[in-house]
PDB file of all heavy atoms in Angstrom:
ATOM      1  N   ALA A   1      23.099  33.404-103.249  1.00  0.00           N
ATOM      2  CA  ALA A   1      23.830  32.179-102.924  1.00  0.00           C
ATOM      3  C   ALA A   1      22.895  31.012-102.624  1.00  0.00           C
ATOM      4  O   ALA A   1      23.354  29.926-102.271  1.00  0.00           O
ATOM      5  CB  ALA A   1      24.745  32.423-101.730  1.00  0.00           C
ATOM      6  N   ARG A   2      21.581  31.234-102.754  1.00  0.00           N
ATOM      7  CA  ARG A   2      20.550  30.213-102.532  1.00  0.00           C
ATOM      8  C   ARG A   2      20.537  29.727-101.082  1.00  0.00           C
ATOM      9  O   ARG A   2      20.177  28.580-100.805  1.00  0.00           O
ATOM     10  CB  ARG A   2      20.741  29.006-103.470  1.00  0.00           C
ATOM     11  CG  ARG A   2      20.764  29.333-104.951  1.00  0.00           C
ATOM     12  CD  ARG A   2      19.424  29.891-105.421  1.00  0.00           C
ATOM     13  NE  ARG A   2      19.333  29.950-106.863  1.00  0.00           N
ATOM     14  CZ  ARG A   2      19.713  30.983-107.612  1.00  0.00           C
ATOM     15  NH1 ARG A   2      20.221  32.056-107.012  1.00  0.00           N
ATOM     16  NH2 ARG A   2      19.591  30.955-108.918  1.00  0.00           N
ATOM     17  N   LEU A   3      20.907  30.609-100.163  1.00  0.00           N
ATOM     18  CA  LEU A   3      20.829  30.272 -98.742  1.00  0.00           C
ATOM     19  C   LEU A   3      19.495  30.686 -98.142  1.00  0.00           C
ATOM     20  O   LEU A   3      19.064  30.131 -97.121  1.00  0.00           O
ATOM     21  CB  LEU A   3      21.976  30.932 -97.970  1.00  0.00           C
ATOM     22  CG  LEU A   3      23.370  30.363 -98.259  1.00  0.00           C
ATOM     23  CD1 LEU A   3      24.445  31.263 -97.671  1.00  0.00           C
ATOM     24  CD2 LEU A   3      23.496  28.950 -97.703  1.00  0.00           C
ATOM     25  N   VAL A   4      18.839  31.669 -98.754  1.00  0.00           N
ATOM     26  CA  VAL A   4      17.508  32.079 -98.326  1.00  0.00           C
ATOM     27  C   VAL A   4      16.609  32.181 -99.550  1.00  0.00           C
ATOM     28  O   VAL A   4      17.076  32.253-100.688  1.00  0.00           O
ATOM     29  CB  VAL A   4      17.526  33.427 -97.567  1.00  0.00           C
ATOM     30  CG1 VAL A   4      18.464  33.374 -96.374  1.00  0.00           C
ATOM     31  CG2 VAL A   4      17.910  34.577 -98.499  1.00  0.00           C
ATOM     32  N   GLU A   5      15.308  32.172 -99.287  1.00  0.00           N
ATOM     33  CA  GLU A   5      14.327  32.322-100.351  1.00  0.00           C
ATOM     34  C   GLU A   5      13.213  33.243 -99.871  1.00  0.00           C
ATOM     35  O   GLU A   5      13.127  33.542 -98.670  1.00  0.00           O
ATOM     36  CB  GLU A   5      13.766  30.956-100.758  1.00  0.00           C
ATOM     37  CG  GLU A   5      13.146  30.172 -99.614  1.00  0.00           C
ATOM     38  CD  GLU A   5      12.870  28.738 -99.990  1.00  0.00           C
ATOM     39  OE1 GLU A   5      13.320  28.300-101.065  1.00  0.00           O
ATOM     40  OE2 GLU A   5      12.198  28.044 -99.195  1.00  0.00           O
ATOM     41  N   THR A   6      12.401  33.701-100.794  1.00  0.00           N
ATOM     42  CA  THR A   6      11.352  34.655-100.444  1.00  0.00           C
ATOM     43  C   THR A   6       9.973  34.120-100.791  1.00  0.00           C
ATOM     44  O   THR A   6       9.815  33.249-101.644  1.00  0.00           O
ATOM     45  CB  THR A   6      11.558  35.997-101.180  1.00  0.00           C
ATOM     46  OG1 THR A   6      11.539  35.763-102.596  1.00  0.00           O
ATOM     47  CG2 THR A   6      12.873  36.637-100.784  1.00  0.00           C
ATOM     48  N   GLU A   7       8.992  34.678-100.085  1.00  0.00           N
ATOM     49  CA  GLU A   7       7.594  34.340-100.326  1.00  0.00           C
ATOM     50  C   GLU A   7       6.763  35.589-100.040  1.00  0.00           C
ATOM     51  O   GLU A   7       6.974  36.256 -99.010  1.00  0.00           O
ATOM     52  CB  GLU A   7       7.142  33.206 -99.410  1.00  0.00           C
ATOM     53  CG  GLU A   7       5.669  32.885 -99.491  1.00  0.00           C
ATOM     54  CD  GLU A   7       5.225  31.924 -98.407  1.00  0.00           C
ATOM     55  OE1 GLU A   7       6.076  31.490 -97.611  1.00  0.00           O
ATOM     56  OE2 GLU A   7       4.003  31.643 -98.356  1.00  0.00           O
ATOM     57  N   ARG A   8       5.862  35.922-100.936  1.00  0.00           N
ATOM     58  CA  ARG A   8       5.015  37.091-100.710  1.00  0.00           C
ATOM     59  C   ARG A   8       3.741  36.669 -99.983  1.00  0.00           C
ATOM     60  O   ARG A   8       3.051  35.744-100.375  1.00  0.00           O
ATOM     61  CB  ARG A   8       4.643  37.761-102.032  1.00  0.00           C
ATOM     62  CG  ARG A   8       3.758  38.998-101.863  1.00  0.00           C
ATOM     63  CD  ARG A   8       3.595  39.761-103.148  1.00  0.00           C
ATOM     64  NE  ARG A   8       4.827  40.435-103.530  1.00  0.00           N
ATOM     65  CZ  ARG A   8       5.238  41.604-103.041  1.00  0.00           C
ATOM     66  NH1 ARG A   8       4.519  42.204-102.092  1.00  0.00           N
ATOM     67  NH2 ARG A   8       6.351  42.150-103.461  1.00  0.00           N
ATOM     68  N   ARG A   9       3.466  37.375 -98.865  1.00  0.00           N
ATOM     69  CA  ARG A   9       2.227  37.172 -98.119  1.00  0.00           C
ATOM     70  C   ARG A   9       1.546  38.531 -97.994  1.00  0.00           C
ATOM     71  O   ARG A   9       1.948  39.364 -97.195  1.00  0.00           O
ATOM     72  CB  ARG A   9       2.504  36.591 -96.736  1.00  0.00           C
ATOM     73  CG  ARG A   9       3.090  35.193 -96.748  1.00  0.00           C
ATOM     74  CD  ARG A   9       3.231  34.627 -95.369  1.00  0.00           C
ATOM     75  NE  ARG A   9       3.998  33.405 -95.353  1.00  0.00           N
ATOM     76  CZ  ARG A   9       4.402  32.785 -94.226  1.00  0.00           C
ATOM     77  NH1 ARG A   9       4.076  33.303 -93.051  1.00  0.00           N
ATOM     78  NH2 ARG A   9       5.121  31.677 -94.297  1.00  0.00           N
ATOM     79  N   GLY A  10       0.527  38.731 -98.800  1.00  0.00           N
ATOM     80  CA  GLY A  10      -0.140  40.028 -98.822  1.00  0.00           C
ATOM     81  C   GLY A  10       0.799  41.100 -99.330  1.00  0.00           C
ATOM     82  O   GLY A  10       1.379  40.977-100.407  1.00  0.00           O
ATOM     83  N   LYS A  11       0.977  42.149 -98.521  1.00  0.00           N
ATOM     84  CA  LYS A  11       1.850  43.244 -98.909  1.00  0.00           C
ATOM     85  C   LYS A  11       3.304  43.017 -98.499  1.00  0.00           C
ATOM     86  O   LYS A  11       4.172  43.826 -98.829  1.00  0.00           O
ATOM     87  CB  LYS A  11       1.349  44.549 -98.272  1.00  0.00           C
ATOM     88  CG  LYS A  11      -0.031  44.986 -98.753  1.00  0.00           C
ATOM     89  CD  LYS A  11      -0.449  46.289 -98.090  1.00  0.00           C
ATOM     90  CE  LYS A  11      -1.805  46.737 -98.573  1.00  0.00           C
ATOM     91  NZ  LYS A  11      -2.238  48.012 -97.917  1.00  0.00           N
ATOM     92  N   HIS A  12       3.543  41.932 -97.803  1.00  0.00           N
ATOM     93  CA  HIS A  12       4.879  41.709 -97.257  1.00  0.00           C
ATOM     94  C   HIS A  12       5.616  40.603 -98.008  1.00  0.00           C
ATOM     95  O   HIS A  12       5.017  39.630 -98.461  1.00  0.00           O
ATOM     96  CB  HIS A  12       4.797  41.333 -95.777  1.00  0.00           C
ATOM     97  CG  HIS A  12       4.235  42.416 -94.916  1.00  0.00           C
ATOM     98  ND1 HIS A  12       4.964  43.507 -94.530  1.00  0.00           N
ATOM     99  CD2 HIS A  12       2.997  42.571 -94.362  1.00  0.00           C
ATOM    100  CE1 HIS A  12       4.222  44.300 -93.778  1.00  0.00           C
ATOM    101  NE2 HIS A  12       3.018  43.754 -93.665  1.00  0.00           N
ATOM    102  N   VAL A  13       6.936  40.771 -98.118  1.00  0.00           N
ATOM    103  CA  VAL A  13       7.821  39.732 -98.636  1.00  0.00           C
ATOM    104  C   VAL A  13       8.567  39.138 -97.450  1.00  0.00           C
ATOM    105  O   VAL A  13       9.250  39.854 -96.714  1.00  0.00           O
ATOM    106  CB  VAL A  13       8.822  40.296 -99.664  1.00  0.00           C
ATOM    107  CG1 VAL A  13       9.819  39.215-100.085  1.00  0.00           C
ATOM    108  CG2 VAL A  13       8.075  40.836-100.880  1.00  0.00           C
ATOM    109  N   LEU A  14       8.391  37.844 -97.248  1.00  0.00           N
ATOM    110  CA  LEU A  14       9.034  37.168 -96.129  1.00  0.00           C
ATOM    111  C   LEU A  14      10.227  36.359 -96.615  1.00  0.00           C
ATOM    112  O   LEU A  14      10.176  35.707 -97.659  1.00  0.00           O
ATOM    113  CB  LEU A  14       8.044  36.243 -95.418  1.00  0.00           C
ATOM    114  CG  LEU A  14       6.810  36.891 -94.798  1.00  0.00           C
ATOM    115  CD1 LEU A  14       5.996  35.854 -94.043  1.00  0.00           C
ATOM    116  CD2 LEU A  14       7.184  38.050 -93.884  1.00  0.00           C
ATOM    117  N   TYR A  15      11.288  36.401 -95.834  1.00  0.00           N
ATOM    118  CA  TYR A  15      12.484  35.612 -96.111  1.00  0.00           C
ATOM    119  C   TYR A  15      12.501  34.396 -95.197  1.00  0.00           C
ATOM    120  O   TYR A  15      12.056  34.457 -94.043  1.00  0.00           O
ATOM    121  CB  TYR A  15      13.743  36.439 -95.862  1.00  0.00           C
ATOM    122  CG  TYR A  15      14.062  37.422 -96.963  1.00  0.00           C
ATOM    123  CD1 TYR A  15      13.418  38.650 -97.034  1.00  0.00           C
ATOM    124  CD2 TYR A  15      15.009  37.116 -97.944  1.00  0.00           C
ATOM    125  CE1 TYR A  15      13.700  39.558 -98.045  1.00  0.00           C
ATOM    126  CE2 TYR A  15      15.298  38.018 -98.956  1.00  0.00           C
ATOM    127  CZ  TYR A  15      14.642  39.232 -99.004  1.00  0.00           C
ATOM    128  OH  TYR A  15      14.928  40.122-100.007  1.00  0.00           O
ATOM    129  N   SER A  16      13.012  33.298 -95.714  1.00  0.00           N
ATOM    130  CA  SER A  16      13.179  32.080 -94.915  1.00  0.00           C
ATOM    131  C   SER A  16      14.408  31.338 -95.405  1.00  0.00           C
ATOM    132  O   SER A  16      14.934  31.627 -96.486  1.00  0.00           O
ATOM    133  CB  SER A  16      11.940  31.180 -95.023  1.00  0.00           C
ATOM    134  OG  SER A  16      11.713  30.808 -96.370  1.00  0.00           O
ATOM    135  N   LEU A  17      14.877  30.400 -94.617  1.00  0.00           N
ATOM    136  CA  LEU A  17      16.025  29.598 -95.037  1.00  0.00           C
ATOM    137  C   LEU A  17      15.645  28.720 -96.211  1.00  0.00           C
ATOM    138  O   LEU A  17      14.545  28.169 -96.258  1.00  0.00           O
ATOM    139  CB  LEU A  17      16.527  28.724 -93.890  1.00  0.00           C
ATOM    140  CG  LEU A  17      17.085  29.416 -92.654  1.00  0.00           C
ATOM    141  CD1 LEU A  17      17.644  28.372 -91.690  1.00  0.00           C
ATOM    142  CD2 LEU A  17      18.156  30.432 -93.013  1.00  0.00           C
ATOM    143  N   ALA A  18      16.542  28.567 -97.159  1.00  0.00           N
ATOM    144  CA  ALA A  18      16.327  27.688 -98.307  1.00  0.00           C
ATOM    145  C   ALA A  18      16.834  26.296 -97.949  1.00  0.00           C
ATOM    146  O   ALA A  18      17.936  25.899 -98.321  1.00  0.00           O
ATOM    147  CB  ALA A  18      17.041  28.235 -99.532  1.00  0.00           C
ATOM    148  N   GLY A  19      16.029  25.558 -97.203  1.00  0.00           N
ATOM    149  CA  GLY A  19      16.444  24.254 -96.709  1.00  0.00           C
ATOM    150  C   GLY A  19      16.934  24.382 -95.281  1.00  0.00           C
ATOM    151  O   GLY A  19      18.136  24.548 -95.044  1.00  0.00           O
ATOM    152  N   ASP A  20      15.997  24.332 -94.332  1.00  0.00           N
ATOM    153  CA  ASP A  20      16.350  24.572 -92.936  1.00  0.00           C
ATOM    154  C   ASP A  20      17.477  23.663 -92.443  1.00  0.00           C
ATOM    155  O   ASP A  20      18.471  24.134 -91.891  1.00  0.00           O
ATOM    156  CB  ASP A  20      15.120  24.344 -92.041  1.00  0.00           C
ATOM    157  CG  ASP A  20      14.123  25.478 -92.139  1.00  0.00           C
ATOM    158  OD1 ASP A  20      14.140  26.195 -93.145  1.00  0.00           O
ATOM    159  OD2 ASP A  20      13.321  25.633 -91.200  1.00  0.00           O
ATOM    160  N   ALA A  21      17.305  22.367 -92.633  1.00  0.00           N
ATOM    161  CA  ALA A  21      18.253  21.405 -92.061  1.00  0.00           C
ATOM    162  C   ALA A  21      19.649  21.599 -92.631  1.00  0.00           C
ATOM    163  O   ALA A  21      20.644  21.560 -91.893  1.00  0.00           O
ATOM    164  CB  ALA A  21      17.762  19.971 -92.317  1.00  0.00           C
ATOM    165  N   GLU A  22      19.744  21.825 -93.938  1.00  0.00           N
ATOM    166  CA  GLU A  22      21.054  21.945 -94.577  1.00  0.00           C
ATOM    167  C   GLU A  22      21.771  23.228 -94.155  1.00  0.00           C
ATOM    168  O   GLU A  22      22.977  23.218 -93.859  1.00  0.00           O
ATOM    169  CB  GLU A  22      20.910  21.908 -96.097  1.00  0.00           C
ATOM    170  CG  GLU A  22      20.483  20.564 -96.666  1.00  0.00           C
ATOM    171  CD  GLU A  22      18.995  20.301 -96.519  1.00  0.00           C
ATOM    172  OE1 GLU A  22      18.252  21.224 -96.161  1.00  0.00           O
ATOM    173  OE2 GLU A  22      18.584  19.146 -96.750  1.00  0.00           O
ATOM    174  N   VAL A  23      21.037  24.339 -94.107  1.00  0.00           N
ATOM    175  CA  VAL A  23      21.672  25.603 -93.721  1.00  0.00           C
ATOM    176  C   VAL A  23      22.056  25.577 -92.253  1.00  0.00           C
ATOM    177  O   VAL A  23      23.144  26.039 -91.870  1.00  0.00           O
ATOM    178  CB  VAL A  23      20.747  26.800 -94.026  1.00  0.00           C
ATOM    179  CG1 VAL A  23      21.372  28.099 -93.531  1.00  0.00           C
ATOM    180  CG2 VAL A  23      20.471  26.894 -95.523  1.00  0.00           C
ATOM    181  N   VAL A  24      21.219  25.030 -91.404  1.00  0.00           N
ATOM    182  CA  VAL A  24      21.550  24.909 -89.979  1.00  0.00           C
ATOM    183  C   VAL A  24      22.771  24.014 -89.795  1.00  0.00           C
ATOM    184  O   VAL A  24      23.665  24.312 -89.000  1.00  0.00           O
ATOM    185  CB  VAL A  24      20.343  24.377 -89.177  1.00  0.00           C
ATOM    186  CG1 VAL A  24      20.765  23.992 -87.757  1.00  0.00           C
ATOM    187  CG2 VAL A  24      19.244  25.426 -89.130  1.00  0.00           C
ATOM    188  N   ALA A  25      22.837  22.913 -90.539  1.00  0.00           N
ATOM    189  CA  ALA A  25      24.001  22.022 -90.451  1.00  0.00           C
ATOM    190  C   ALA A  25      25.275  22.731 -90.907  1.00  0.00           C
ATOM    191  O   ALA A  25      26.358  22.528 -90.338  1.00  0.00           O
ATOM    192  CB  ALA A  25      23.765  20.772 -91.289  1.00  0.00           C
ATOM    193  N   LEU A  26      25.150  23.574 -91.938  1.00  0.00           N
ATOM    194  CA  LEU A  26      26.292  24.344 -92.414  1.00  0.00           C
ATOM    195  C   LEU A  26      26.791  25.301 -91.333  1.00  0.00           C
ATOM    196  O   LEU A  26      27.996  25.436 -91.101  1.00  0.00           O
ATOM    197  CB  LEU A  26      25.904  25.116 -93.674  1.00  0.00           C
ATOM    198  CG  LEU A  26      26.979  25.967 -94.347  1.00  0.00           C
ATOM    199  CD1 LEU A  26      28.167  25.120 -94.778  1.00  0.00           C
ATOM    200  CD2 LEU A  26      26.387  26.706 -95.548  1.00  0.00           C
ATOM    201  N   MET A  27      25.868  25.958 -90.640  1.00  0.00           N
ATOM    202  CA  MET A  27      26.226  26.862 -89.555  1.00  0.00           C
ATOM    203  C   MET A  27      26.872  26.094 -88.400  1.00  0.00           C
ATOM    204  O   MET A  27      27.836  26.568 -87.778  1.00  0.00           O
ATOM    205  CB  MET A  27      24.985  27.587 -89.068  1.00  0.00           C
ATOM    206  CG  MET A  27      24.322  28.477 -90.109  1.00  0.00           C
ATOM    207  SD  MET A  27      25.152  30.041 -90.314  1.00  0.00           S
ATOM    208  CE  MET A  27      24.595  30.875 -88.831  1.00  0.00           C
ATOM    209  N   GLN A  28      26.360  24.917 -88.115  1.00  0.00           N
ATOM    210  CA  GLN A  28      26.946  24.097 -87.051  1.00  0.00           C
ATOM    211  C   GLN A  28      28.383  23.717 -87.389  1.00  0.00           C
ATOM    212  O   GLN A  28      29.274  23.784 -86.537  1.00  0.00           O
ATOM    213  CB  GLN A  28      26.119  22.828 -86.845  1.00  0.00           C
ATOM    214  CG  GLN A  28      24.794  23.039 -86.144  1.00  0.00           C
ATOM    215  CD  GLN A  28      24.021  21.735 -86.002  1.00  0.00           C
ATOM    216  OE1 GLN A  28      23.549  21.162 -86.988  1.00  0.00           O
ATOM    217  NE2 GLN A  28      23.908  21.247 -84.796  1.00  0.00           N
ATOM    218  N   ALA A  29      28.609  23.302 -88.641  1.00  0.00           N
ATOM    219  CA  ALA A  29      29.954  22.910 -89.063  1.00  0.00           C
ATOM    220  C   ALA A  29      30.916  24.090 -88.990  1.00  0.00           C
ATOM    221  O   ALA A  29      32.069  23.950 -88.552  1.00  0.00           O
ATOM    222  CB  ALA A  29      29.914  22.348 -90.486  1.00  0.00           C
ATOM    223  N   LEU A  30      30.448  25.264 -89.392  1.00  0.00           N
ATOM    224  CA  LEU A  30      31.279  26.465 -89.315  1.00  0.00           C
ATOM    225  C   LEU A  30      31.657  26.758 -87.870  1.00  0.00           C
ATOM    226  O   LEU A  30      32.806  27.107 -87.564  1.00  0.00           O
ATOM    227  CB  LEU A  30      30.523  27.637 -89.930  1.00  0.00           C
ATOM    228  CG  LEU A  30      31.245  28.980 -89.978  1.00  0.00           C
ATOM    229  CD1 LEU A  30      32.506  28.887 -90.833  1.00  0.00           C
ATOM    230  CD2 LEU A  30      30.317  30.062 -90.515  1.00  0.00           C
ATOM    231  N   GLY A  31      30.698  26.609 -86.964  1.00  0.00           N
ATOM    232  CA  GLY A  31      30.968  26.840 -85.550  1.00  0.00           C
ATOM    233  C   GLY A  31      31.976  25.864 -84.987  1.00  0.00           C
ATOM    234  O   GLY A  31      32.869  26.249 -84.212  1.00  0.00           O
ATOM    235  N   ARG A  32      31.867  24.589 -85.362  1.00  0.00           N
ATOM    236  CA  ARG A  32      32.813  23.587 -84.847  1.00  0.00           C
ATOM    237  C   ARG A  32      34.230  23.883 -85.311  1.00  0.00           C
ATOM    238  O   ARG A  32      35.189  23.765 -84.531  1.00  0.00           O
ATOM    239  CB  ARG A  32      32.378  22.188 -85.292  1.00  0.00           C
ATOM    240  CG  ARG A  32      31.159  21.654 -84.558  1.00  0.00           C
ATOM    241  CD  ARG A  32      30.984  20.162 -84.798  1.00  0.00           C
ATOM    242  NE  ARG A  32      30.731  19.859 -86.202  1.00  0.00           N
ATOM    243  CZ  ARG A  32      29.520  19.783 -86.743  1.00  0.00           C
ATOM    244  NH1 ARG A  32      28.453  20.007 -85.992  1.00  0.00           N
ATOM    245  NH2 ARG A  32      29.363  19.484 -88.014  1.00  0.00           N
ATOM    246  N   VAL A  33      34.390  24.254 -86.579  1.00  0.00           N
ATOM    247  CA  VAL A  33      35.715  24.586 -87.094  1.00  0.00           C
ATOM    248  C   VAL A  33      36.270  25.813 -86.369  1.00  0.00           C
ATOM    249  O   VAL A  33      37.437  25.857 -85.982  1.00  0.00           O
ATOM    250  CB  VAL A  33      35.669  24.825 -88.619  1.00  0.00           C
ATOM    251  CG1 VAL A  33      37.001  25.370 -89.117  1.00  0.00           C
ATOM    252  CG2 VAL A  33      35.329  23.527 -89.348  1.00  0.00           C
TER     253      VAL A  33
END
């Protein structure tokens, strides 16, 4: 759904938000509703 993305660092694959501000704002809006 393009909400998270991955990055390989050494032997590990790390997940992070795909656009911190936008995903956080989406979560905030969901909470308000």
